[in-house]
Structures are given as structure tokens and as C-alpha cells.
């Protein structure tokens, strides 16, 4: 990947994730107020119940529990904070972000898109495959893992600034496996 493209993705990927969604500070799920999938909610240990918004995008915070994210990334994370909205490339998205408890600059993020164009916009001819997730999964910038799911796509990422992409990628893959199973 060229340096120019990598730098532009630093700004585009967060824009894809952030555009269009305001999260109510009192609603950690970013959806209907149930808090589904967050620690302390009734289903945090029993496995999350996946909910969808009116646009048909699954609520990212309801896909996996905080306990599951903690196990996948190997460090304790705070409750997920969600958001949703339209995506610049088409469709809509739902995102959930969990911050590391010991190091809040480290984070896990899952974003589910109703449209495959989000993944298409990131995929390069030389994108590394992620065989554990199937033929359609690939590694994106900053140790993110992308995959197609039905008509849509999703990305999962663990990023710890004190670690390298090589150290972060297995954790991103573990998150993506949880999402694939939930979807």
C-alpha cells in the first residue's frame, strides 16, 4: 500500500465510521436504550441478543458482549459505546467501541455496514487474506480485519498504540471471528 493511500485512509476510515451518528451519552448501545451487549446488562454473560435499527443494520454493541471482547483482545475493556448513521460510500453503519481499562488509548472497534461498498473502498489488489474468516476476508490499514457478510460488510479492529500491527492483528482477527459468528 502506498504511503499516500495509507495516510488518506487514516482520515477516510474514521470518516466512514463517524459520519452520521450521534450517540446519546446515556445510551451505551447507541440504539434503543437497552444497553444490550454491554457489561452489567442482563445478557452480558448469557451472550448478546442482536438487535437491528430501522435501516436493517445490526446494532454492533449487541453482537458481542464486553466479556467476549475482553477475552478476544486479552485485556479488560470498558463497556462498549455505540453509534450509527449513513456511510459516505453508501448504506448505513453501526459501530461499537470498547476502550482498554488499563490503557484507554487502546481500543477495540466493530463496525457493521449494510452495504459492501465500505469494504470495497478499503480493499486493495494486494490486501492480505485472513483465511480463518474465509475467502472474502482481508487485512486493512492499522491491523483492521474486513469481511463481507451477505449484502454488507464489517470490520473489526484492536489497536494498541504501544503494539505493532503484527501484535494487534491476531486480536483484530479474534474480534472478527466473534462478529462472523454473531452475524
C-alpha atoms as a PDB file:
ATOM      1  CA  UNK A   1       0.000   0.000   0.000  1.00  0.00           C
ATOM      2  CA  UNK A   2       1.377   3.391  -0.860  1.00  0.00           C
ATOM      3  CA  UNK A   3       2.155   5.869   1.900  1.00  0.00           C
ATOM      4  CA  UNK A   4      -0.234   8.364   0.321  1.00  0.00           C
ATOM      5  CA  UNK A   5      -3.104   5.836   0.389  1.00  0.00           C
ATOM      6  CA  UNK A   6      -2.292   4.798   3.957  1.00  0.00           C
ATOM      7  CA  UNK A   7      -2.352   8.401   5.131  1.00  0.00           C
ATOM      8  CA  UNK A   8      -5.613   9.094   3.300  1.00  0.00           C
ATOM      9  CA  UNK A   9      -7.168   6.012   4.918  1.00  0.00           C
ATOM     10  CA  UNK A  10      -6.232   7.463   8.302  1.00  0.00           C
ATOM     11  CA  UNK A  11      -8.805  10.128   7.557  1.00  0.00           C
ATOM     12  CA  UNK A  12     -11.314   8.216   5.395  1.00  0.00           C
ATOM     13  CA  UNK A  13     -11.926   5.146   7.575  1.00  0.00           C
ATOM     14  CA  UNK A  14     -12.775   7.196  10.694  1.00  0.00           C
ATOM     15  CA  UNK A  15     -14.991   9.392   8.499  1.00  0.00           C
ATOM     16  CA  UNK A  16     -16.825   6.319   7.207  1.00  0.00           C
ATOM     17  CA  UNK A  17     -17.346   5.219  10.776  1.00  0.00           C
ATOM     18  CA  UNK A  18     -18.192   8.604  12.259  1.00  0.00           C
ATOM     19  CA  UNK A  19     -20.325  10.304   9.659  1.00  0.00           C
ATOM     20  CA  UNK A  20     -23.932  10.485  10.574  1.00  0.00           C
ATOM     21  CA  UNK A  21     -24.176   9.053  14.061  1.00  0.00           C
ATOM     22  CA  UNK A  22     -24.672  10.809  17.340  1.00  0.00           C
ATOM     23  CA  UNK A  23     -24.620   8.625  20.400  1.00  0.00           C
ATOM     24  CA  UNK A  24     -26.733   9.503  23.384  1.00  0.00           C
ATOM     25  CA  UNK A  25     -24.371   9.654  26.363  1.00  0.00           C
ATOM     26  CA  UNK A  26     -26.987   7.854  28.481  1.00  0.00           C
ATOM     27  CA  UNK A  27     -27.376   5.083  25.889  1.00  0.00           C
ATOM     28  CA  UNK A  28     -24.183   2.979  25.652  1.00  0.00           C
ATOM     29  CA  UNK A  29     -25.649   0.764  22.942  1.00  0.00           C
ATOM     30  CA  UNK A  30     -26.218   3.675  20.570  1.00  0.00           C
ATOM     31  CA  UNK A  31     -29.617   2.252  19.716  1.00  0.00           C
ATOM     32  CA  UNK A  32     -32.844   1.713  21.570  1.00  0.00           C
ATOM     33  CA  UNK A  33     -31.579   2.295  25.100  1.00  0.00           C
ATOM     34  CA  UNK A  34     -31.426  -1.358  26.057  1.00  0.00           C
ATOM     35  CA  UNK A  35     -27.661  -1.340  26.543  1.00  0.00           C
ATOM     36  CA  UNK A  36     -27.698  -4.795  25.005  1.00  0.00           C
ATOM     37  CA  UNK A  37     -24.345  -6.495  24.944  1.00  0.00           C
ATOM     38  CA  UNK A  38     -22.645  -4.287  27.499  1.00  0.00           C
ATOM     39  CA  UNK A  39     -21.260  -5.434  30.815  1.00  0.00           C
ATOM     40  CA  UNK A  40     -23.826  -5.101  33.534  1.00  0.00           C
ATOM     41  CA  UNK A  41     -26.721  -5.749  31.161  1.00  0.00           C
ATOM     42  CA  UNK A  42     -28.723  -8.924  31.658  1.00  0.00           C
ATOM     43  CA  UNK A  43     -27.334 -10.556  28.527  1.00  0.00           C
ATOM     44  CA  UNK A  44     -23.657  -9.634  29.009  1.00  0.00           C
ATOM     45  CA  UNK A  45     -22.782 -13.091  30.271  1.00  0.00           C
ATOM     46  CA  UNK A  46     -25.523 -15.083  28.541  1.00  0.00           C
ATOM     47  CA  UNK A  47     -24.489 -13.903  25.060  1.00  0.00           C
ATOM     48  CA  UNK A  48     -25.898 -10.882  23.334  1.00  0.00           C
ATOM     49  CA  UNK A  49     -29.217 -10.661  21.569  1.00  0.00           C
ATOM     50  CA  UNK A  50     -28.647  -8.967  18.209  1.00  0.00           C
ATOM     51  CA  UNK A  51     -30.929  -6.033  17.502  1.00  0.00           C
ATOM     52  CA  UNK A  52     -31.303  -4.046  14.285  1.00  0.00           C
ATOM     53  CA  UNK A  53     -32.154  -0.425  13.601  1.00  0.00           C
ATOM     54  CA  UNK A  54     -34.916   0.672  11.212  1.00  0.00           C
ATOM     55  CA  UNK A  55     -32.426   0.538   8.302  1.00  0.00           C
ATOM     56  CA  UNK A  56     -31.693  -3.142   8.964  1.00  0.00           C
ATOM     57  CA  UNK A  57     -28.139  -2.713  10.261  1.00  0.00           C
ATOM     58  CA  UNK A  58     -27.389  -4.897  13.288  1.00  0.00           C
ATOM     59  CA  UNK A  59     -26.514  -2.927  16.414  1.00  0.00           C
ATOM     60  CA  UNK A  60     -22.748  -3.510  16.720  1.00  0.00           C
ATOM     61  CA  UNK A  61     -22.865  -3.358  20.526  1.00  0.00           C
ATOM     62  CA  UNK A  62     -25.409  -6.189  20.592  1.00  0.00           C
ATOM     63  CA  UNK A  63     -23.223  -8.528  18.514  1.00  0.00           C
ATOM     64  CA  UNK A  64     -20.690  -9.331  21.234  1.00  0.00           C
ATOM     65  CA  UNK A  65     -20.541  -8.794  24.965  1.00  0.00           C
ATOM     66  CA  UNK A  66     -17.896  -6.815  26.816  1.00  0.00           C
ATOM     67  CA  UNK A  67     -16.702 -10.097  28.355  1.00  0.00           C
ATOM     68  CA  UNK A  68     -16.246 -11.616  24.881  1.00  0.00           C
ATOM     69  CA  UNK A  69     -14.275  -8.588  23.700  1.00  0.00           C
ATOM     70  CA  UNK A  70     -12.093  -8.770  26.819  1.00  0.00           C
ATOM     71  CA  UNK A  71     -11.332 -12.427  26.093  1.00  0.00           C
ATOM     72  CA  UNK A  72     -10.646 -11.782  22.392  1.00  0.00           C
ATOM     73  CA  UNK A  73      -8.180  -8.938  22.982  1.00  0.00           C
ATOM     74  CA  UNK A  74      -6.590 -10.317  26.135  1.00  0.00           C
ATOM     75  CA  UNK A  75      -7.118  -7.242  28.296  1.00  0.00           C
ATOM     76  CA  UNK A  76     -10.035  -5.802  30.233  1.00  0.00           C
ATOM     77  CA  UNK A  77     -12.132  -3.311  28.262  1.00  0.00           C
ATOM     78  CA  UNK A  78     -14.827  -0.875  29.324  1.00  0.00           C
ATOM     79  CA  UNK A  79     -18.446  -1.153  28.227  1.00  0.00           C
ATOM     80  CA  UNK A  80     -18.976  -0.567  24.525  1.00  0.00           C
ATOM     81  CA  UNK A  81     -20.155   2.791  23.244  1.00  0.00           C
ATOM     82  CA  UNK A  82     -22.151   2.685  20.031  1.00  0.00           C
ATOM     83  CA  UNK A  83     -23.198   4.915  17.219  1.00  0.00           C
ATOM     84  CA  UNK A  84     -24.854   4.575  13.840  1.00  0.00           C
ATOM     85  CA  UNK A  85     -25.682   6.507  10.728  1.00  0.00           C
ATOM     86  CA  UNK A  86     -25.197   6.789   6.987  1.00  0.00           C
ATOM     87  CA  UNK A  87     -21.900   5.926   5.292  1.00  0.00           C
ATOM     88  CA  UNK A  88     -20.218   8.098   2.653  1.00  0.00           C
ATOM     89  CA  UNK A  89     -19.793   5.082   0.338  1.00  0.00           C
ATOM     90  CA  UNK A  90     -23.453   4.028   0.647  1.00  0.00           C
ATOM     91  CA  UNK A  91     -25.795   2.359   3.079  1.00  0.00           C
ATOM     92  CA  UNK A  92     -25.636   2.763   6.822  1.00  0.00           C
ATOM     93  CA  UNK A  93     -23.444   1.525   9.644  1.00  0.00           C
ATOM     94  CA  UNK A  94     -23.418   0.673  13.324  1.00  0.00           C
ATOM     95  CA  UNK A  95     -20.220   0.948  15.351  1.00  0.00           C
ATOM     96  CA  UNK A  96     -19.259  -0.086  18.865  1.00  0.00           C
ATOM     97  CA  UNK A  97     -16.003   0.893  20.580  1.00  0.00           C
ATOM     98  CA  UNK A  98     -14.553  -0.586  23.747  1.00  0.00           C
ATOM     99  CA  UNK A  99     -11.580   1.149  25.438  1.00  0.00           C
ATOM    100  CA  UNK A 100      -8.865  -0.627  27.374  1.00  0.00           C
ATOM    101  CA  UNK A 101      -9.338  -0.185  31.131  1.00  0.00           C
ATOM    102  CA  UNK A 102      -5.620  -0.073  31.946  1.00  0.00           C
ATOM    103  CA  UNK A 103      -4.734   1.832  28.759  1.00  0.00           C
ATOM    104  CA  UNK A 104      -7.660   3.877  27.381  1.00  0.00           C
ATOM    105  CA  UNK A 105      -5.665   4.694  24.233  1.00  0.00           C
ATOM    106  CA  UNK A 106      -6.012   1.005  23.260  1.00  0.00           C
ATOM    107  CA  UNK A 107      -9.385   0.166  21.758  1.00  0.00           C
ATOM    108  CA  UNK A 108     -11.494  -2.494  20.124  1.00  0.00           C
ATOM    109  CA  UNK A 109     -13.922  -1.400  17.431  1.00  0.00           C
ATOM    110  CA  UNK A 110     -16.521  -3.270  15.417  1.00  0.00           C
ATOM    111  CA  UNK A 111     -18.420  -1.652  12.566  1.00  0.00           C
ATOM    112  CA  UNK A 112     -21.166  -3.370  10.589  1.00  0.00           C
ATOM    113  CA  UNK A 113     -22.202  -1.934   7.217  1.00  0.00           C
ATOM    114  CA  UNK A 114     -25.421  -2.624   5.303  1.00  0.00           C
ATOM    115  CA  UNK A 115     -23.535  -2.147   2.047  1.00  0.00           C
ATOM    116  CA  UNK A 116     -20.414  -3.930   0.787  1.00  0.00           C
ATOM    117  CA  UNK A 117     -19.072  -0.671  -0.676  1.00  0.00           C
ATOM    118  CA  UNK A 118     -17.368   0.208   2.631  1.00  0.00           C
ATOM    119  CA  UNK A 119     -15.139  -2.878   2.386  1.00  0.00           C
ATOM    120  CA  UNK A 120     -14.739  -2.378  -1.362  1.00  0.00           C
ATOM    121  CA  UNK A 121     -13.374   1.120  -0.724  1.00  0.00           C
ATOM    122  CA  UNK A 122     -10.629  -0.269   1.540  1.00  0.00           C
ATOM    123  CA  UNK A 123      -9.724  -3.467  -0.315  1.00  0.00           C
ATOM    124  CA  UNK A 124      -6.550  -3.371  -2.410  1.00  0.00           C
ATOM    125  CA  UNK A 125      -5.394  -5.868  -5.032  1.00  0.00           C
ATOM    126  CA  UNK A 126      -2.598  -6.849  -2.651  1.00  0.00           C
ATOM    127  CA  UNK A 127      -4.653  -6.906   0.568  1.00  0.00           C
ATOM    128  CA  UNK A 128      -3.528  -9.793   2.767  1.00  0.00           C
ATOM    129  CA  UNK A 129      -6.181 -12.501   3.180  1.00  0.00           C
ATOM    130  CA  UNK A 130      -7.488 -13.690   6.549  1.00  0.00           C
ATOM    131  CA  UNK A 131      -8.103 -17.403   5.901  1.00  0.00           C
ATOM    132  CA  UNK A 132      -9.642 -18.007   9.344  1.00  0.00           C
ATOM    133  CA  UNK A 133     -12.621 -15.905   8.218  1.00  0.00           C
ATOM    134  CA  UNK A 134     -12.962 -17.223   4.680  1.00  0.00           C
ATOM    135  CA  UNK A 135     -12.050 -16.194   1.159  1.00  0.00           C
ATOM    136  CA  UNK A 136     -13.687 -12.779   1.383  1.00  0.00           C
ATOM    137  CA  UNK A 137     -11.789 -11.503   4.455  1.00  0.00           C
ATOM    138  CA  UNK A 138      -8.728  -9.287   4.257  1.00  0.00           C
ATOM    139  CA  UNK A 139      -6.414  -7.148   6.347  1.00  0.00           C
ATOM    140  CA  UNK A 140      -6.961  -3.407   6.129  1.00  0.00           C
ATOM    141  CA  UNK A 141      -4.978  -0.468   7.468  1.00  0.00           C
ATOM    142  CA  UNK A 142      -3.751  -0.465  11.059  1.00  0.00           C
ATOM    143  CA  UNK A 143      -4.375  -4.159  11.713  1.00  0.00           C
ATOM    144  CA  UNK A 144      -8.070  -3.953  10.873  1.00  0.00           C
ATOM    145  CA  UNK A 145      -9.838  -7.047   9.553  1.00  0.00           C
ATOM    146  CA  UNK A 146     -12.569  -6.646   6.922  1.00  0.00           C
ATOM    147  CA  UNK A 147     -15.050  -9.203   5.629  1.00  0.00           C
ATOM    148  CA  UNK A 148     -18.199  -9.363   3.561  1.00  0.00           C
ATOM    149  CA  UNK A 149     -21.401 -10.563   5.203  1.00  0.00           C
ATOM    150  CA  UNK A 150     -24.434 -11.104   2.991  1.00  0.00           C
ATOM    151  CA  UNK A 151     -25.093  -7.847   1.104  1.00  0.00           C
ATOM    152  CA  UNK A 152     -22.995  -5.904   3.624  1.00  0.00           C
ATOM    153  CA  UNK A 153     -19.594  -5.956   5.230  1.00  0.00           C
ATOM    154  CA  UNK A 154     -17.954  -5.465   8.601  1.00  0.00           C
ATOM    155  CA  UNK A 155     -14.636  -4.531  10.122  1.00  0.00           C
ATOM    156  CA  UNK A 156     -13.104  -5.430  13.467  1.00  0.00           C
ATOM    157  CA  UNK A 157     -10.012  -3.826  14.908  1.00  0.00           C
ATOM    158  CA  UNK A 158      -7.946  -3.930  18.062  1.00  0.00           C
ATOM    159  CA  UNK A 159      -5.455  -1.135  18.143  1.00  0.00           C
ATOM    160  CA  UNK A 160      -2.936  -0.595  20.894  1.00  0.00           C
ATOM    161  CA  UNK A 161      -0.547   2.238  20.059  1.00  0.00           C
ATOM    162  CA  UNK A 162       2.190   0.564  22.109  1.00  0.00           C
ATOM    163  CA  UNK A 163       1.976  -2.548  19.909  1.00  0.00           C
ATOM    164  CA  UNK A 164       2.822  -3.162  16.272  1.00  0.00           C
ATOM    165  CA  UNK A 165       0.355  -4.134  13.564  1.00  0.00           C
ATOM    166  CA  UNK A 166       1.749  -7.663  13.804  1.00  0.00           C
ATOM    167  CA  UNK A 167       0.908  -7.740  17.519  1.00  0.00           C
ATOM    168  CA  UNK A 168      -2.537  -6.158  17.065  1.00  0.00           C
ATOM    169  CA  UNK A 169      -3.691  -8.242  14.072  1.00  0.00           C
ATOM    170  CA  UNK A 170      -4.367 -11.536  15.949  1.00  0.00           C
ATOM    171  CA  UNK A 171      -6.626  -9.639  18.349  1.00  0.00           C
ATOM    172  CA  UNK A 172      -8.447  -7.955  15.453  1.00  0.00           C
ATOM    173  CA  UNK A 173      -8.888 -11.403  13.889  1.00  0.00           C
ATOM    174  CA  UNK A 174     -10.308 -12.792  17.150  1.00  0.00           C
ATOM    175  CA  UNK A 175     -12.837  -9.921  17.218  1.00  0.00           C
ATOM    176  CA  UNK A 176     -13.766 -10.522  13.576  1.00  0.00           C
ATOM    177  CA  UNK A 177     -14.378 -14.199  14.300  1.00  0.00           C
ATOM    178  CA  UNK A 178     -16.839 -13.197  17.028  1.00  0.00           C
ATOM    179  CA  UNK A 179     -18.646 -10.871  14.618  1.00  0.00           C
ATOM    180  CA  UNK A 180     -18.783 -13.501  11.863  1.00  0.00           C
ATOM    181  CA  UNK A 181     -20.297 -15.959  14.344  1.00  0.00           C
ATOM    182  CA  UNK A 182     -22.865 -13.405  15.558  1.00  0.00           C
ATOM    183  CA  UNK A 183     -23.929 -12.380  12.073  1.00  0.00           C
END
